[in-house]
N, C-alpha and C. Protein backbone atom coordinates (compact mmCIF):
# COMPACT_ATOMS: atom_id res chain seq x y z
N MET A 1 23.29 99.30 14.68
CA MET A 1 24.69 98.41 13.78
C MET A 1 24.81 97.39 15.00
N ILE A 2 25.49 96.18 14.62
CA ILE A 2 25.81 95.28 15.73
C ILE A 2 27.41 95.89 16.23
N SER A 3 27.43 96.01 17.36
CA SER A 3 28.99 96.39 17.89
C SER A 3 29.22 95.24 19.06
N GLU A 4 30.25 94.89 18.95
CA GLU A 4 30.98 93.90 19.86
C GLU A 4 31.51 94.83 21.16
N SER A 5 31.45 94.39 21.89
CA SER A 5 32.31 95.14 23.37
C SER A 5 33.13 93.94 23.54
N ASP A 6 34.23 94.42 24.60
CA ASP A 6 35.42 93.74 25.18
C ASP A 6 34.84 92.11 25.28
N SER A 7 33.81 92.11 25.73
CA SER A 7 33.73 90.66 26.38
C SER A 7 32.66 89.98 25.01
N GLU A 8 33.25 89.13 24.96
CA GLU A 8 32.27 88.18 23.43
C GLU A 8 31.11 87.94 23.75
N ASP A 9 30.92 87.84 25.11
CA ASP A 9 29.14 87.25 25.27
C ASP A 9 28.29 88.36 25.23
N GLU A 10 28.98 89.65 25.33
CA GLU A 10 28.28 90.85 25.18
C GLU A 10 27.96 91.42 23.96
N ILE A 11 26.93 91.47 23.14
CA ILE A 11 26.59 92.31 21.93
C ILE A 11 25.36 93.18 21.92
N GLU A 12 26.08 94.28 21.89
CA GLU A 12 24.92 95.53 21.81
C GLU A 12 24.24 95.72 20.17
N LEU A 13 22.91 95.82 20.40
CA LEU A 13 22.27 96.03 19.25
C LEU A 13 21.66 97.11 19.23
N SER A 14 21.53 97.91 17.85
CA SER A 14 21.07 99.17 17.81
C SER A 14 19.47 98.75 17.87
N PRO A 15 18.86 100.11 18.27
CA PRO A 15 17.32 99.95 18.44
C PRO A 15 16.71 99.39 17.24
N GLU A 16 16.93 99.70 16.10
CA GLU A 16 16.24 99.21 14.84
C GLU A 16 16.65 97.73 14.66
N THR A 17 17.45 97.24 15.06
CA THR A 17 17.86 95.81 14.83
C THR A 17 17.23 95.17 16.12
N GLU A 18 17.26 95.60 17.52
CA GLU A 18 16.40 95.05 18.40
C GLU A 18 14.95 94.91 17.82
N GLU A 19 14.47 95.87 17.41
CA GLU A 19 13.01 96.16 17.15
C GLU A 19 12.97 94.89 15.89
N LEU A 20 13.67 94.72 14.98
CA LEU A 20 13.54 93.97 14.05
C LEU A 20 13.32 92.54 14.86
N LEU A 21 14.38 92.11 15.41
CA LEU A 21 14.34 90.80 16.01
C LEU A 21 13.23 90.50 16.74
N ASN A 22 12.20 91.53 17.50
CA ASN A 22 11.40 91.38 18.24
C ASN A 22 9.96 91.47 17.56
N THR A 23 10.00 91.67 16.35
CA THR A 23 8.52 91.82 15.56
C THR A 23 7.78 90.61 15.79
N THR A 24 8.48 89.40 15.68
CA THR A 24 7.85 88.35 15.92
C THR A 24 8.03 87.49 17.14
N GLU A 25 7.55 86.27 17.39
CA GLU A 25 8.31 85.85 18.66
C GLU A 25 9.66 85.42 18.47
N ASN A 26 10.14 84.85 17.05
CA ASN A 26 11.54 84.58 17.25
C ASN A 26 12.30 84.84 15.95
N GLY A 27 11.65 86.24 15.42
CA GLY A 27 12.28 86.91 14.42
C GLY A 27 11.68 86.66 13.14
N VAL A 28 11.09 85.69 13.10
CA VAL A 28 10.70 85.34 11.60
C VAL A 28 9.42 85.46 11.35
N ASP A 29 9.18 86.10 10.26
CA ASP A 29 7.53 86.68 9.91
C ASP A 29 6.71 85.13 9.27
N PRO A 30 5.75 84.76 10.13
CA PRO A 30 5.01 83.56 9.60
C PRO A 30 4.72 83.52 8.28
N ALA A 31 4.45 84.65 7.96
CA ALA A 31 4.01 84.69 6.20
C ALA A 31 5.09 84.04 5.35
N GLU A 32 6.28 84.81 5.55
CA GLU A 32 7.54 84.39 4.84
C GLU A 32 7.95 83.06 5.17
N PHE A 33 7.91 82.50 6.53
CA PHE A 33 8.23 81.34 6.46
C PHE A 33 7.31 80.24 5.71
N GLY A 34 6.02 80.51 5.77
CA GLY A 34 5.00 79.62 4.60
C GLY A 34 5.67 79.74 3.45
N LYS A 35 5.89 80.59 2.91
CA LYS A 35 6.07 80.56 1.42
C LYS A 35 7.35 79.78 1.33
N ARG A 36 8.16 79.79 2.15
CA ARG A 36 9.49 78.83 1.75
C ARG A 36 9.36 77.32 2.58
N HIS A 37 8.51 77.38 3.88
CA HIS A 37 8.29 75.82 4.19
C HIS A 37 7.49 74.76 3.71
N TRP A 38 6.36 75.46 2.95
CA TRP A 38 5.34 74.37 2.65
C TRP A 38 5.88 73.97 1.53
N PRO A 39 6.40 74.60 0.41
CA PRO A 39 7.34 73.83 -0.46
C PRO A 39 8.14 72.81 -0.25
N TYR A 40 9.05 73.03 0.82
CA TYR A 40 9.89 72.26 1.57
C TYR A 40 9.37 70.82 1.76
N ALA A 41 8.18 71.13 2.46
CA ALA A 41 7.38 69.86 3.22
C ALA A 41 7.11 69.08 2.14
N PHE A 42 6.30 69.60 1.08
CA PHE A 42 5.82 68.72 -0.06
C PHE A 42 6.86 68.42 -0.93
N ASN A 43 8.18 68.84 -0.86
CA ASN A 43 9.01 68.36 -1.48
C ASN A 43 9.72 67.10 -1.00
N TYR A 44 9.67 66.98 0.53
CA TYR A 44 10.06 66.10 1.06
C TYR A 44 9.26 64.60 0.71
N ILE A 45 8.16 64.81 0.48
CA ILE A 45 7.17 63.89 0.35
C ILE A 45 7.28 63.49 -1.11
N THR A 46 7.76 64.42 -2.01
CA THR A 46 8.17 63.92 -3.52
C THR A 46 9.34 62.87 -3.49
N HIS A 47 9.65 62.70 -2.27
CA HIS A 47 10.95 61.59 -2.23
C HIS A 47 10.45 60.32 -1.49
N TYR A 48 9.25 60.50 -0.83
CA TYR A 48 8.68 59.41 -0.17
C TYR A 48 8.42 58.15 -0.80
N PRO A 49 8.35 57.12 -0.48
CA PRO A 49 8.11 55.93 -1.38
C PRO A 49 6.46 55.84 -1.93
N VAL A 50 6.64 55.72 -3.19
CA VAL A 50 5.23 55.60 -3.83
C VAL A 50 4.49 54.51 -3.31
N GLU A 51 4.99 53.14 -2.75
CA GLU A 51 4.05 52.52 -2.49
C GLU A 51 5.04 51.71 -1.13
N ASN A 52 3.89 51.28 -0.25
CA ASN A 52 4.53 50.46 1.08
C ASN A 52 5.76 50.87 1.51
N ALA A 53 5.41 52.20 2.27
CA ALA A 53 6.59 52.85 3.02
C ALA A 53 6.95 51.73 4.45
N THR A 54 8.24 51.82 4.56
CA THR A 54 8.59 50.66 5.49
C THR A 54 8.42 51.51 6.94
N ASN A 55 8.80 50.54 8.17
CA ASN A 55 8.75 51.25 9.41
C ASN A 55 10.06 52.51 9.38
N ASP A 56 10.93 52.29 8.77
CA ASP A 56 11.79 53.18 9.06
C ASP A 56 11.54 54.38 8.14
N ASP A 57 10.91 54.39 6.97
CA ASP A 57 10.40 55.44 6.24
C ASP A 57 9.38 56.32 7.11
N GLN A 58 8.39 55.43 7.82
CA GLN A 58 7.48 56.20 8.48
C GLN A 58 8.14 56.81 9.61
N LEU A 59 8.74 56.35 10.48
CA LEU A 59 9.63 56.86 11.39
C LEU A 59 10.45 58.20 10.80
N ALA A 60 11.09 58.09 10.13
CA ALA A 60 11.78 59.39 9.25
C ALA A 60 10.70 60.32 9.11
N ALA A 61 9.56 60.09 8.60
CA ALA A 61 8.75 61.04 8.17
C ALA A 61 7.93 61.51 9.33
N LEU A 62 7.87 60.81 10.63
CA LEU A 62 7.50 61.50 11.52
C LEU A 62 8.73 62.23 12.24
N GLU A 63 9.60 62.06 12.29
CA GLU A 63 10.95 62.83 12.73
C GLU A 63 10.73 64.26 11.88
N PHE A 64 10.58 64.09 10.59
CA PHE A 64 10.53 65.24 9.86
C PHE A 64 9.42 66.02 10.24
N LEU A 65 8.35 65.76 10.60
CA LEU A 65 7.23 66.33 10.92
C LEU A 65 7.23 67.18 12.30
N GLU A 66 8.02 66.30 13.12
CA GLU A 66 8.35 66.82 14.51
C GLU A 66 9.62 67.84 14.16
N ARG A 67 10.36 67.97 13.37
CA ARG A 67 11.22 68.87 12.98
C ARG A 67 10.64 70.06 12.65
N PHE A 68 9.87 70.08 11.58
CA PHE A 68 8.82 71.04 10.64
C PHE A 68 8.25 71.79 11.82
N MET A 69 7.67 71.04 12.59
CA MET A 69 6.57 71.70 13.84
C MET A 69 7.73 72.32 15.00
N SER A 70 9.04 72.16 15.18
CA SER A 70 9.62 72.65 16.11
C SER A 70 10.31 73.95 15.30
N GLU A 71 10.16 74.26 14.05
CA GLU A 71 10.74 75.23 13.44
C GLU A 71 9.65 76.46 13.01
N LEU A 72 8.34 76.00 13.33
CA LEU A 72 7.32 76.80 13.21
C LEU A 72 7.75 78.38 13.95
N PRO A 73 7.19 79.37 13.22
CA PRO A 73 7.82 80.67 13.91
C PRO A 73 6.90 81.50 15.03
N CYS A 74 5.73 80.76 15.45
CA CYS A 74 5.09 81.24 16.50
C CYS A 74 4.64 80.06 17.34
N ALA A 75 4.36 80.36 18.77
CA ALA A 75 3.87 79.25 19.62
C ALA A 75 2.55 79.05 19.33
N ASP A 76 1.61 79.65 18.85
CA ASP A 76 0.15 79.25 18.36
C ASP A 76 0.29 78.28 17.19
N CYS A 77 1.25 78.50 16.14
CA CYS A 77 1.33 77.65 14.98
C CYS A 77 2.04 76.17 15.48
N GLY A 78 2.90 76.21 16.56
CA GLY A 78 3.37 74.76 16.84
C GLY A 78 2.10 74.25 17.64
N GLU A 79 1.20 74.76 18.27
CA GLU A 79 0.32 74.35 19.29
C GLU A 79 -0.63 73.98 18.40
N ASP A 80 -1.19 74.67 17.30
CA ASP A 80 -1.99 74.23 16.03
C ASP A 80 -1.56 72.83 15.39
N MET A 81 -0.45 72.79 15.12
CA MET A 81 0.10 71.65 14.47
C MET A 81 0.28 70.21 15.17
N GLN A 82 0.26 70.66 16.57
CA GLN A 82 0.62 69.52 17.51
C GLN A 82 -0.95 69.03 17.79
N LEU A 83 -1.99 69.99 17.91
CA LEU A 83 -3.36 69.52 18.14
C LEU A 83 -3.84 68.82 16.63
N TYR A 84 -3.44 69.36 15.60
CA TYR A 84 -3.75 68.53 14.26
C TYR A 84 -3.19 67.19 14.23
N LEU A 85 -1.98 67.10 14.66
CA LEU A 85 -1.22 65.69 14.75
C LEU A 85 -2.19 64.77 15.54
N GLN A 86 -2.67 65.35 16.75
CA GLN A 86 -3.35 64.29 17.59
C GLN A 86 -4.43 63.82 17.34
N ARG A 87 -5.64 65.16 16.49
CA ARG A 87 -6.57 64.69 15.89
C ARG A 87 -6.66 63.97 14.70
N HIS A 88 -5.58 64.19 13.70
CA HIS A 88 -5.63 63.52 12.54
C HIS A 88 -4.06 62.99 12.16
N HIS A 89 -3.72 61.64 12.72
CA HIS A 89 -2.79 60.78 12.59
C HIS A 89 -1.98 61.23 11.00
N PRO A 90 -0.83 61.34 11.05
CA PRO A 90 -0.25 61.23 9.60
C PRO A 90 -0.47 59.98 9.08
N LYS A 91 -1.19 60.19 7.51
CA LYS A 91 -1.02 58.86 6.82
C LYS A 91 0.15 58.36 6.14
N LEU A 92 1.14 57.63 6.68
CA LEU A 92 2.24 57.56 5.94
C LEU A 92 2.68 56.24 5.18
N GLN A 93 1.39 55.62 4.56
CA GLN A 93 1.50 54.14 4.02
C GLN A 93 2.36 54.35 2.78
N ASN A 94 2.15 55.49 2.14
CA ASN A 94 2.62 55.78 0.86
C ASN A 94 2.76 57.08 0.68
N ARG A 95 3.42 57.75 -0.53
CA ARG A 95 3.43 58.94 -0.93
C ARG A 95 2.03 59.56 -1.36
N CYS A 96 1.24 58.87 -1.74
CA CYS A 96 -0.12 59.52 -2.13
C CYS A 96 -1.14 59.77 -0.66
N SER A 97 -0.99 59.10 0.41
CA SER A 97 -1.78 59.18 1.55
C SER A 97 -0.88 60.05 2.42
N PHE A 98 0.22 60.43 2.33
CA PHE A 98 1.08 61.22 3.15
C PHE A 98 0.69 62.73 2.54
N PHE A 99 0.89 62.45 1.19
CA PHE A 99 0.55 63.87 0.25
C PHE A 99 -0.65 64.55 0.74
N LYS A 100 -1.75 63.56 0.80
CA LYS A 100 -2.96 63.91 0.79
C LYS A 100 -3.27 64.66 2.40
N TRP A 101 -2.74 63.90 3.17
CA TRP A 101 -2.64 64.30 4.80
C TRP A 101 -2.03 65.62 4.74
N LEU A 102 -0.94 65.86 4.37
CA LEU A 102 -0.23 67.09 4.27
C LEU A 102 -1.03 68.14 3.63
N TRP A 103 -1.62 68.16 2.71
CA TRP A 103 -2.45 68.78 1.88
C TRP A 103 -3.80 69.45 2.59
N LYS A 104 -4.36 68.32 3.30
CA LYS A 104 -5.50 68.49 4.28
C LYS A 104 -5.19 69.64 5.55
N PHE A 105 -3.99 69.40 6.02
CA PHE A 105 -3.41 70.22 6.94
C PHE A 105 -3.00 71.55 6.69
N ARG A 106 -2.41 71.84 5.20
CA ARG A 106 -2.36 72.92 4.75
C ARG A 106 -3.46 73.99 4.34
N ASN A 107 -4.55 73.06 3.99
CA ASN A 107 -5.97 73.80 3.96
C ASN A 107 -6.36 74.21 5.38
N CYS A 108 -6.27 73.36 6.22
CA CYS A 108 -6.54 73.60 7.46
C CYS A 108 -6.44 75.19 8.12
N VAL A 109 -4.76 74.91 8.01
CA VAL A 109 -3.88 76.30 8.27
C VAL A 109 -4.41 77.44 7.31
N ASN A 110 -4.74 77.20 6.03
CA ASN A 110 -4.89 78.13 4.95
C ASN A 110 -6.40 78.85 5.41
N ARG A 111 -7.44 77.96 5.85
CA ARG A 111 -8.73 78.12 6.27
C ARG A 111 -8.74 79.06 7.80
N LYS A 112 -7.84 78.88 8.47
CA LYS A 112 -7.67 79.83 9.77
C LYS A 112 -7.11 81.02 9.48
N LEU A 113 -6.04 81.09 8.49
CA LEU A 113 -5.83 82.35 8.10
C LEU A 113 -6.43 83.26 7.40
N GLY A 114 -7.63 82.65 6.85
CA GLY A 114 -8.25 83.19 5.87
C GLY A 114 -7.74 83.38 4.27
N GLN A 115 -6.92 82.30 3.93
CA GLN A 115 -6.20 82.20 2.53
C GLN A 115 -6.75 81.00 1.84
N LYS A 116 -6.57 81.33 0.36
CA LYS A 116 -7.30 80.30 -0.33
C LYS A 116 -6.98 78.89 -0.14
N GLU A 117 -7.89 78.04 0.11
CA GLU A 117 -7.62 76.37 0.09
C GLU A 117 -7.45 75.87 -1.50
N LEU A 118 -6.55 74.93 -1.50
CA LEU A 118 -6.16 74.38 -3.00
C LEU A 118 -7.19 72.93 -3.00
N SER A 119 -7.63 72.96 -4.12
CA SER A 119 -7.77 71.56 -4.38
C SER A 119 -6.75 70.59 -4.40
N LEU A 120 -7.15 69.31 -4.49
CA LEU A 120 -6.16 68.25 -4.53
C LEU A 120 -5.24 68.43 -5.78
N ASP A 121 -5.97 68.59 -6.73
CA ASP A 121 -5.49 68.79 -8.01
C ASP A 121 -4.45 69.73 -8.34
N GLU A 122 -4.86 70.90 -7.44
CA GLU A 122 -4.17 72.28 -7.57
C GLU A 122 -2.92 72.20 -6.54
N ALA A 123 -3.11 71.38 -5.81
CA ALA A 123 -1.87 71.27 -4.83
C ALA A 123 -0.72 70.35 -5.49
N ILE A 124 -1.25 69.45 -6.29
CA ILE A 124 -0.38 68.22 -7.00
C ILE A 124 0.26 69.20 -8.14
N ARG A 125 -0.55 69.87 -8.62
CA ARG A 125 0.21 70.68 -9.82
C ARG A 125 0.92 71.73 -9.23
N VAL A 126 0.95 72.43 -8.17
CA VAL A 126 1.54 73.42 -7.54
C VAL A 126 3.20 72.73 -7.05
N HIS A 127 2.77 71.51 -6.34
CA HIS A 127 3.84 71.06 -5.53
C HIS A 127 4.62 69.42 -6.15
N CYS A 128 4.06 69.08 -7.21
CA CYS A 128 4.73 68.02 -8.19
C CYS A 128 5.11 68.24 -9.20
N SER A 129 4.84 69.48 -10.20
CA SER A 129 4.83 69.51 -11.46
C SER A 129 6.40 69.74 -11.65
N PRO A 130 7.00 69.07 -12.83
CA PRO A 130 8.26 69.27 -12.93
C PRO A 130 8.85 70.81 -13.02
N SER A 131 7.83 71.50 -13.73
CA SER A 131 7.83 73.01 -13.81
C SER A 131 7.83 73.72 -12.49
N ASN A 132 7.66 73.14 -11.69
CA ASN A 132 7.56 73.78 -10.29
C ASN A 132 9.13 74.10 -9.83
N SER A 133 9.40 75.53 -9.92
CA SER A 133 10.76 75.98 -9.29
C SER A 133 11.35 75.32 -8.30
N ASN A 134 10.59 74.91 -7.02
CA ASN A 134 10.74 74.57 -6.10
C ASN A 134 11.55 73.07 -6.15
N LEU A 135 10.93 72.35 -7.28
CA LEU A 135 11.43 70.96 -7.62
C LEU A 135 12.55 70.72 -9.05
N LYS A 136 12.67 72.11 -9.36
CA LYS A 136 13.26 71.79 -10.99
C LYS A 136 14.56 71.40 -10.59
N SER A 137 15.31 70.97 -11.35
CA SER A 137 17.06 70.66 -10.72
C SER A 137 17.85 71.76 -11.52
N ASP A 138 18.76 72.05 -10.65
CA ASP A 138 19.55 73.09 -11.32
C ASP A 138 20.36 72.25 -12.19
N LEU A 139 20.31 71.15 -12.71
CA LEU A 139 21.24 70.82 -13.61
C LEU A 139 20.56 70.59 -15.06
N SER A 140 19.48 71.20 -15.10
CA SER A 140 18.80 71.12 -16.63
C SER A 140 19.88 71.49 -17.70
N ILE A 141 19.92 71.08 -18.69
CA ILE A 141 20.36 71.51 -19.83
C ILE A 141 19.77 71.86 -21.03
N SER A 142 20.11 72.75 -21.62
CA SER A 142 19.29 73.55 -22.44
C SER A 142 19.48 72.73 -24.15
N PRO A 143 18.60 72.70 -25.01
CA PRO A 143 18.93 72.00 -26.10
C PRO A 143 20.39 72.58 -26.85
N ILE A 144 20.39 73.61 -26.82
CA ILE A 144 21.75 74.32 -27.52
C ILE A 144 22.82 73.42 -27.17
N THR A 145 22.95 73.36 -25.24
CA THR A 145 24.24 72.71 -24.99
C THR A 145 24.13 71.27 -25.15
N TRP A 146 22.96 70.50 -25.63
CA TRP A 146 23.05 69.15 -25.70
C TRP A 146 23.77 69.18 -27.29
N LEU A 147 23.32 70.19 -28.29
CA LEU A 147 24.31 70.25 -29.53
C LEU A 147 25.17 70.24 -29.31
N LEU A 148 25.99 71.26 -28.60
CA LEU A 148 27.44 71.68 -28.44
C LEU A 148 28.00 70.23 -27.64
N ILE A 149 27.41 69.78 -26.79
CA ILE A 149 28.07 68.34 -26.32
C ILE A 149 28.09 67.37 -27.21
N GLY A 150 27.19 67.48 -28.23
CA GLY A 150 27.19 66.32 -29.24
C GLY A 150 28.52 66.65 -30.33
N VAL A 151 28.40 67.89 -30.58
CA VAL A 151 29.40 68.29 -31.55
C VAL A 151 30.71 67.83 -30.90
N LEU A 152 31.28 68.36 -29.72
CA LEU A 152 32.20 68.24 -29.08
C LEU A 152 32.53 66.56 -29.10
N ILE A 153 31.48 65.93 -28.51
CA ILE A 153 31.79 64.45 -28.88
C ILE A 153 32.14 63.93 -30.09
N GLY A 154 31.48 64.18 -30.95
CA GLY A 154 31.39 63.66 -32.41
C GLY A 154 32.87 63.95 -32.92
N SER A 155 33.34 65.23 -32.54
CA SER A 155 34.52 66.00 -33.27
C SER A 155 35.71 65.01 -32.36
N THR A 156 35.72 64.87 -31.38
CA THR A 156 36.62 64.11 -30.63
C THR A 156 36.70 62.34 -30.97
N LEU A 157 35.39 61.83 -31.50
CA LEU A 157 35.68 60.63 -31.56
C LEU A 157 36.13 60.56 -33.24
N TYR A 158 35.81 61.63 -34.08
CA TYR A 158 36.49 61.53 -35.43
C TYR A 158 38.07 61.63 -35.32
N ALA A 159 38.35 62.75 -34.46
CA ALA A 159 39.91 62.75 -34.44
C ALA A 159 40.73 61.46 -33.97
N VAL A 160 40.05 60.95 -33.03
CA VAL A 160 40.41 59.57 -32.36
C VAL A 160 40.62 58.51 -33.66
N TYR A 161 39.40 58.54 -34.25
CA TYR A 161 39.35 57.50 -35.31
C TYR A 161 40.35 57.72 -36.54
N CYS A 162 40.55 59.13 -37.08
CA CYS A 162 41.51 59.61 -37.63
C CYS A 162 43.08 59.00 -37.32
N ALA A 163 43.05 59.40 -35.89
CA ALA A 163 44.62 59.09 -35.29
C ALA A 163 44.86 57.47 -35.66
N SER A 164 43.83 56.82 -35.26
CA SER A 164 43.76 55.48 -35.42
C SER A 164 44.04 55.15 -36.66
N GLN A 165 43.56 55.73 -37.83
CA GLN A 165 44.09 55.28 -39.32
C GLN A 165 45.18 55.50 -39.80
N GLU A 166 45.60 56.74 -39.05
CA GLU A 166 47.15 56.99 -39.45
C GLU A 166 48.13 56.15 -39.10
N LYS A 167 48.13 55.56 -37.61
CA LYS A 167 48.51 54.84 -37.02
C LYS A 167 48.76 53.46 -37.62
N ALA A 168 47.43 53.11 -38.17
CA ALA A 168 47.34 51.66 -38.78
C ALA A 168 48.02 51.96 -40.10
N LYS A 169 48.21 52.94 -40.70
CA LYS A 169 48.86 53.26 -42.37
C LYS A 169 50.52 52.81 -41.87
N LYS A 170 50.67 53.55 -40.75
CA LYS A 170 52.44 53.54 -40.45
C LYS A 170 52.88 52.17 -40.16
N ASN A 171 51.97 51.54 -39.33
CA ASN A 171 52.48 50.04 -38.70
C ASN A 171 52.07 48.81 -40.01
N LYS A 172 51.52 49.30 -41.12
CA LYS A 172 51.07 48.19 -42.33
C LYS A 172 52.41 48.13 -43.11
N PRO A 173 52.61 46.72 -42.89
CA PRO A 173 53.92 46.49 -43.97
C PRO A 173 53.44 46.57 -45.56
N LEU A 174 54.57 47.02 -45.94
CA LEU A 174 54.46 47.42 -47.59
C LEU A 174 54.30 45.97 -48.20
N THR A 175 53.54 45.81 -49.09
CA THR A 175 53.50 44.46 -49.97
C THR A 175 53.53 45.00 -51.20
N GLU A 176 54.42 44.11 -52.02
CA GLU A 176 54.77 44.32 -53.58
C GLU A 176 54.15 43.34 -54.32
């Protein structure tokens, strides 16, 4: 349990909490980091220009990779990425070249960790599919909702039409 002493600078941690914080170099399990951050990195690329990335786009991508590298949960991971960046400069001309570069980097990491490598087709299906929960919009609307919206709009338009007809009847002069 965390308890605060009189000084705000001193916080005592229980032995269990301290052990939890010290289980990895910075308290983050690399496996859990990967589950969350690989989709994040590939999602970044889905917003990268399809063709002809500008110098600004490429600089932003390099800054993204630097931030990604700085967030890695262990020193070995950061050193490995730095070495990979030096040996295999990121291909940032367009979305496809950037995606392929990150896919190759991910497979290099997977190989080192003894995990399954993805084919390019698998990587595209996993990271670019609209059904991928990492990319799915929270604003998706079910067909029933669309139907209800349509009924609401239709009934509102009908009410406005009826009101305008009533008003037109009242304002129409009587002719004999």
